[in-house]
Protein backbone atom coordinates (compact mmCIF):
# COMPACT_ATOMS: atom_id res chain seq x y z
CA UNK A 1 3.19 -12.40 -7.62
CA UNK A 2 2.14 -11.22 -11.06
CA UNK A 3 3.63 -8.15 -12.70
CA UNK A 4 0.23 -6.66 -13.48
CA UNK A 5 -0.39 -5.36 -9.96
CA UNK A 6 -1.24 -1.72 -9.44
CA UNK A 7 0.47 -0.67 -6.24
CA UNK A 8 -0.47 2.29 -4.05
CA UNK A 9 2.54 3.36 -2.00
CA UNK A 10 1.58 5.73 0.83
CA UNK A 11 4.91 6.94 2.18
CA UNK A 12 6.31 10.37 3.01
CA UNK A 13 10.04 9.57 2.95
CA UNK A 14 11.32 10.37 -0.58
CA UNK A 15 14.28 7.99 -0.26
CA UNK A 16 12.02 5.07 0.72
CA UNK A 17 9.62 5.96 -2.10
CA UNK A 18 12.40 6.04 -4.67
CA UNK A 19 13.94 2.75 -3.56
CA UNK A 20 10.68 0.82 -3.22
CA UNK A 21 9.04 2.04 -6.43
CA UNK A 22 12.24 1.50 -8.44
CA UNK A 23 12.66 -2.01 -7.02
CA UNK A 24 9.09 -3.01 -7.83
CA UNK A 25 9.16 -1.56 -11.36
CA UNK A 26 12.71 -2.72 -12.21
CA UNK A 27 11.90 -6.25 -11.13
CA UNK A 28 8.60 -6.13 -13.05
CA UNK A 29 6.59 -6.97 -9.96
CA UNK A 30 4.08 -4.21 -10.60
CA UNK A 31 2.51 -2.62 -13.63
CA UNK A 32 2.39 0.76 -11.97
CA UNK A 33 3.17 2.42 -8.69
CA UNK A 34 0.96 5.27 -7.54
CA UNK A 35 2.64 7.36 -4.85
CA UNK A 36 0.91 9.37 -2.15
CA UNK A 37 3.17 11.32 0.21
CA UNK A 38 0.44 11.97 2.78
CA UNK A 39 -3.02 10.83 3.86
CA UNK A 40 -4.84 13.61 1.98
CA UNK A 41 -3.29 12.61 -1.36
CA UNK A 42 -4.01 8.92 -0.73
CA UNK A 43 -7.64 9.69 0.09
CA UNK A 44 -7.98 11.91 -3.01
CA UNK A 45 -6.56 9.10 -5.16
CA UNK A 46 -8.92 6.52 -3.68
CA UNK A 47 -11.96 8.82 -3.96
CA UNK A 48 -11.13 10.20 -7.41
CA UNK A 49 -11.04 13.75 -6.05
CA UNK A 50 -8.97 16.54 -7.59
CA UNK A 51 -6.42 16.15 -9.13
CA UNK A 52 -7.45 12.58 -9.98
CA UNK A 53 -9.97 11.95 -12.74
CA UNK A 54 -11.46 8.79 -11.24
CA UNK A 55 -11.16 6.67 -8.13
CA UNK A 56 -7.98 4.62 -7.83
CA UNK A 57 -8.43 0.92 -7.32
CA UNK A 58 -5.06 -0.48 -6.27
CA UNK A 59 -4.45 -4.22 -6.09
CA UNK A 60 -2.09 -3.75 -3.14
CA UNK A 61 -1.41 -0.92 -0.68
CA UNK A 62 1.87 -0.33 1.16
CA UNK A 63 0.93 2.07 3.94
CA UNK A 64 3.05 4.07 6.35
CA UNK A 65 1.06 4.75 9.52
CA UNK A 66 3.05 7.85 10.50
CA UNK A 67 2.30 10.43 7.83
CA UNK A 68 2.62 14.22 7.93
CA UNK A 69 -0.67 16.06 8.19
CA UNK A 70 -2.67 12.95 8.93
CA UNK A 71 -2.54 9.43 10.15
CA UNK A 72 -2.27 6.35 7.95
CA UNK A 73 -5.06 4.81 10.01
CA UNK A 74 -7.47 7.25 8.31
CA UNK A 75 -6.43 5.84 4.94
CA UNK A 76 -6.80 2.27 6.22
CA UNK A 77 -10.31 3.00 7.56
CA UNK A 78 -11.29 4.51 4.19
CA UNK A 79 -9.95 1.47 2.30
CA UNK A 80 -11.86 -0.95 4.55
CA UNK A 81 -15.09 1.10 4.50
CA UNK A 82 -15.33 1.36 0.70
CA UNK A 83 -16.81 -1.81 -0.86
CA UNK A 84 -14.61 -1.28 -3.95
CA UNK A 85 -11.40 -1.51 -1.90
CA UNK A 86 -12.43 -3.37 1.26
CA UNK A 87 -10.71 -6.59 0.18
CA UNK A 88 -7.50 -4.95 -1.07
CA UNK A 89 -4.48 -6.30 0.82
CA UNK A 90 -2.69 -3.68 2.93
CA UNK A 91 0.87 -4.08 4.19
CA UNK A 92 1.98 -1.59 6.83
CA UNK A 93 5.37 0.11 6.62
CA UNK A 94 6.55 0.59 10.20
CA UNK A 95 9.58 2.08 11.93
CA UNK A 96 9.88 -0.53 14.65
CA UNK A 97 9.94 -4.30 15.01
CA UNK A 98 7.29 -3.76 17.69
CA UNK A 99 4.72 -3.54 14.87
CA UNK A 100 3.21 -6.87 15.79
CA UNK A 101 2.24 -5.44 19.17
CA UNK A 102 0.67 -2.42 17.44
CA UNK A 103 -1.32 -4.68 15.11
CA UNK A 104 -2.63 -6.74 18.00
CA UNK A 105 -3.36 -3.78 20.28
CA UNK A 106 -5.24 -1.82 17.64
CA UNK A 107 -6.79 -4.76 15.75
CA UNK A 108 -5.73 -3.19 12.46
CA UNK A 109 -7.18 -4.99 9.45
CA UNK A 110 -3.96 -5.53 7.51
CA UNK A 111 -2.33 -8.50 5.89
CA UNK A 112 1.19 -7.88 7.15
CA UNK A 113 3.91 -5.39 7.90
CA UNK A 114 7.47 -4.56 6.88
CA UNK A 115 9.98 -2.73 9.06
CA UNK A 116 11.74 0.27 7.51
CA UNK A 117 14.24 0.56 5.99
CA UNK A 118 12.55 -1.92 3.71
CA UNK A 119 14.43 -5.04 2.75
CA UNK A 120 13.17 -5.61 -0.80
CA UNK A 121 13.48 -9.40 -0.64
CA UNK A 122 11.49 -9.45 2.63
CA UNK A 123 8.78 -7.24 1.10
CA UNK A 124 8.53 -9.51 -1.95
CA UNK A 125 8.17 -12.50 0.37
CA UNK A 126 5.34 -10.76 2.28
CA UNK A 127 3.50 -9.86 -0.91
CA UNK A 128 4.10 -13.33 -2.36
CA UNK A 129 2.62 -14.91 0.76
CA UNK A 130 -0.60 -12.95 0.16
CA UNK A 131 -1.14 -14.92 -3.05
CA UNK A 132 -0.63 -18.15 -1.13
CA UNK A 133 -3.27 -17.00 1.36
CA UNK A 134 -5.81 -16.61 -1.43
CA UNK A 135 -5.51 -12.94 -2.32
CA UNK A 136 -5.96 -12.46 -6.03
CA UNK A 137 -4.24 -9.61 -7.83
CA UNK A 138 -6.32 -8.95 -10.95
CA UNK A 139 -4.95 -7.27 -14.00
CA UNK A 140 -6.50 -3.81 -14.17
CA UNK A 141 -5.76 -0.71 -16.11
CA UNK A 142 -7.10 2.53 -14.75
CA UNK A 143 -5.83 5.76 -16.26
CA UNK A 144 -5.55 8.66 -13.86
């Protein structure tokens, strides 16, 4: 996994946000981490709506499905519907090991999941496996 990835972390738990973003940046696995604490902020980032100057184009999305004020599924549908982000890998952040049943039952178009609290080594392995499956993480620089 290259260190030039722009990561969008959609997560409402401040402790999880702090730990995950620090781990990714400290270990130089990402160039930048954009954080959205709810679905509305994630959608604004992706659309380039206020307060963002232009649409965000992450190389990877870590998405919590259970967000305050909205459902992570709304964010996932937006990502898949927009041609600019349709192929972006999405890894779900879930509270239960039963996530595999959720993925199958709902036919969610994601590339994997990680159970919270996130084990950093496990998350790195998931993201690394995306490269092996043919996902390409281009180097991009998009100022917000």
